[in-house]
Amino acid sequence: MLPKDDSRDDDEWDIRIQKTGCAGENENLQMCFDKTKDWRACQRQLQEFKDCWRRYKNNETGVGTKRVS
């Protein structure tokens, strides 16, 4: 039997979300769905998460950033 580990190990998804800076938006979306059990009722939270994710992806790839020669 393995010893019990009380520390919370973040899974890969949680780690990725935290690195994006969109953890708050993701949490709001998850809380909305948990409360309503209906993604259609969470469109505002979904859009906020999508917008944040796009900003992160743009920053990660350099899209939309001005390059200095």
C-alpha atoms as a PDB file:
ATOM      1  CA  MET A   1       0.000   0.000   0.000  1.00  0.00           C
ATOM      2  CA  LEU A   2       1.310   3.442  -0.947  1.00  0.00           C
ATOM      3  CA  PRO A   3       1.655   6.115   1.735  1.00  0.00           C
ATOM      4  CA  LYS A   4      -1.059   8.741   1.706  1.00  0.00           C
ATOM      5  CA  ASP A   5       0.092  12.066   0.270  1.00  0.00           C
ATOM      6  CA  ASP A   6      -2.061  14.950   1.504  1.00  0.00           C
ATOM      7  CA  SER A   7      -0.435  17.501  -0.805  1.00  0.00           C
ATOM      8  CA  ARG A   8      -2.483  18.439  -3.844  1.00  0.00           C
ATOM      9  CA  ASP A   9      -0.726  17.488  -7.048  1.00  0.00           C
ATOM     10  CA  ASP A  10      -1.925  19.573  -9.955  1.00  0.00           C
ATOM     11  CA  ASP A  11      -2.616  17.600 -13.062  1.00  0.00           C
ATOM     12  CA  GLU A  12      -1.170  18.549 -16.424  1.00  0.00           C
ATOM     13  CA  TRP A  13      -4.278  20.526 -17.438  1.00  0.00           C
ATOM     14  CA  ASP A  14      -4.223  22.635 -14.262  1.00  0.00           C
ATOM     15  CA  ILE A  15      -0.548  23.410 -14.769  1.00  0.00           C
ATOM     16  CA  ARG A  16      -1.126  24.453 -18.395  1.00  0.00           C
ATOM     17  CA  ILE A  17      -4.065  26.684 -17.439  1.00  0.00           C
ATOM     18  CA  GLN A  18      -2.064  28.362 -14.680  1.00  0.00           C
ATOM     19  CA  LYS A  19       0.771  29.094 -17.110  1.00  0.00           C
ATOM     20  CA  THR A  20      -1.628  30.845 -19.513  1.00  0.00           C
ATOM     21  CA  GLY A  21      -2.746  33.382 -16.971  1.00  0.00           C
ATOM     22  CA  CYS A  22      -6.342  32.259 -17.639  1.00  0.00           C
ATOM     23  CA  ALA A  23      -6.849  30.256 -14.452  1.00  0.00           C
ATOM     24  CA  GLY A  24      -9.404  32.725 -13.088  1.00  0.00           C
ATOM     25  CA  GLU A  25     -11.430  32.658 -16.297  1.00  0.00           C
ATOM     26  CA  ASN A  26     -11.268  28.863 -16.352  1.00  0.00           C
ATOM     27  CA  GLU A  27     -12.406  28.648 -12.746  1.00  0.00           C
ATOM     28  CA  ASN A  28     -15.324  31.008 -13.423  1.00  0.00           C
ATOM     29  CA  LEU A  29     -16.374  28.868 -16.377  1.00  0.00           C
ATOM     30  CA  GLN A  30     -16.133  25.642 -14.379  1.00  0.00           C
ATOM     31  CA  MET A  31     -18.081  27.150 -11.467  1.00  0.00           C
ATOM     32  CA  CYS A  32     -20.816  28.345 -13.823  1.00  0.00           C
ATOM     33  CA  PHE A  33     -21.169  24.910 -15.361  1.00  0.00           C
ATOM     34  CA  ASP A  34     -21.134  23.254 -11.943  1.00  0.00           C
ATOM     35  CA  LYS A  35     -23.928  25.551 -10.824  1.00  0.00           C
ATOM     36  CA  THR A  36     -26.098  25.415 -13.962  1.00  0.00           C
ATOM     37  CA  LYS A  37     -25.142  22.055 -15.525  1.00  0.00           C
ATOM     38  CA  ASP A  38     -25.730  23.803 -18.853  1.00  0.00           C
ATOM     39  CA  TRP A  39     -22.933  25.194 -21.028  1.00  0.00           C
ATOM     40  CA  ARG A  40     -25.461  27.394 -22.829  1.00  0.00           C
ATOM     41  CA  ALA A  41     -25.994  29.334 -19.596  1.00  0.00           C
ATOM     42  CA  CYS A  42     -22.254  30.018 -19.355  1.00  0.00           C
ATOM     43  CA  GLN A  43     -21.638  31.758 -22.674  1.00  0.00           C
ATOM     44  CA  ARG A  44     -20.213  34.914 -21.076  1.00  0.00           C
ATOM     45  CA  GLN A  45     -17.711  32.905 -19.020  1.00  0.00           C
ATOM     46  CA  LEU A  46     -16.853  30.762 -22.037  1.00  0.00           C
ATOM     47  CA  GLN A  47     -16.185  33.844 -24.166  1.00  0.00           C
ATOM     48  CA  GLU A  48     -14.015  35.385 -21.436  1.00  0.00           C
ATOM     49  CA  PHE A  49     -11.969  32.183 -21.264  1.00  0.00           C
ATOM     50  CA  LYS A  50     -11.655  32.013 -25.063  1.00  0.00           C
ATOM     51  CA  ASP A  51     -10.532  35.640 -25.238  1.00  0.00           C
ATOM     52  CA  CYS A  52      -7.927  35.075 -22.541  1.00  0.00           C
ATOM     53  CA  TRP A  53      -6.696  31.909 -24.251  1.00  0.00           C
ATOM     54  CA  ARG A  54      -6.357  33.725 -27.584  1.00  0.00           C
ATOM     55  CA  ARG A  55      -4.337  36.481 -25.920  1.00  0.00           C
ATOM     56  CA  TYR A  56      -2.056  33.859 -24.393  1.00  0.00           C
ATOM     57  CA  LYS A  57      -1.610  31.998 -27.683  1.00  0.00           C
ATOM     58  CA  ASN A  58      -0.883  35.278 -29.492  1.00  0.00           C
ATOM     59  CA  ASN A  59       1.725  36.200 -26.896  1.00  0.00           C
ATOM     60  CA  GLU A  60       3.232  32.719 -27.037  1.00  0.00           C
ATOM     61  CA  THR A  61       3.630  32.684 -30.825  1.00  0.00           C
ATOM     62  CA  GLY A  62       4.478  36.338 -31.242  1.00  0.00           C
ATOM     63  CA  VAL A  63       1.428  36.974 -33.428  1.00  0.00           C
ATOM     64  CA  GLY A  64       0.383  40.579 -33.257  1.00  0.00           C
ATOM     65  CA  THR A  65       3.608  41.721 -31.655  1.00  0.00           C
ATOM     66  CA  LYS A  66       5.853  44.230 -33.308  1.00  0.00           C
ATOM     67  CA  ARG A  67       9.321  42.949 -34.048  1.00  0.00           C
ATOM     68  CA  VAL A  68      12.232  45.304 -33.772  1.00  0.00           C
ATOM     69  CA  SER A  69      14.895  44.855 -36.465  1.00  0.00           C
END
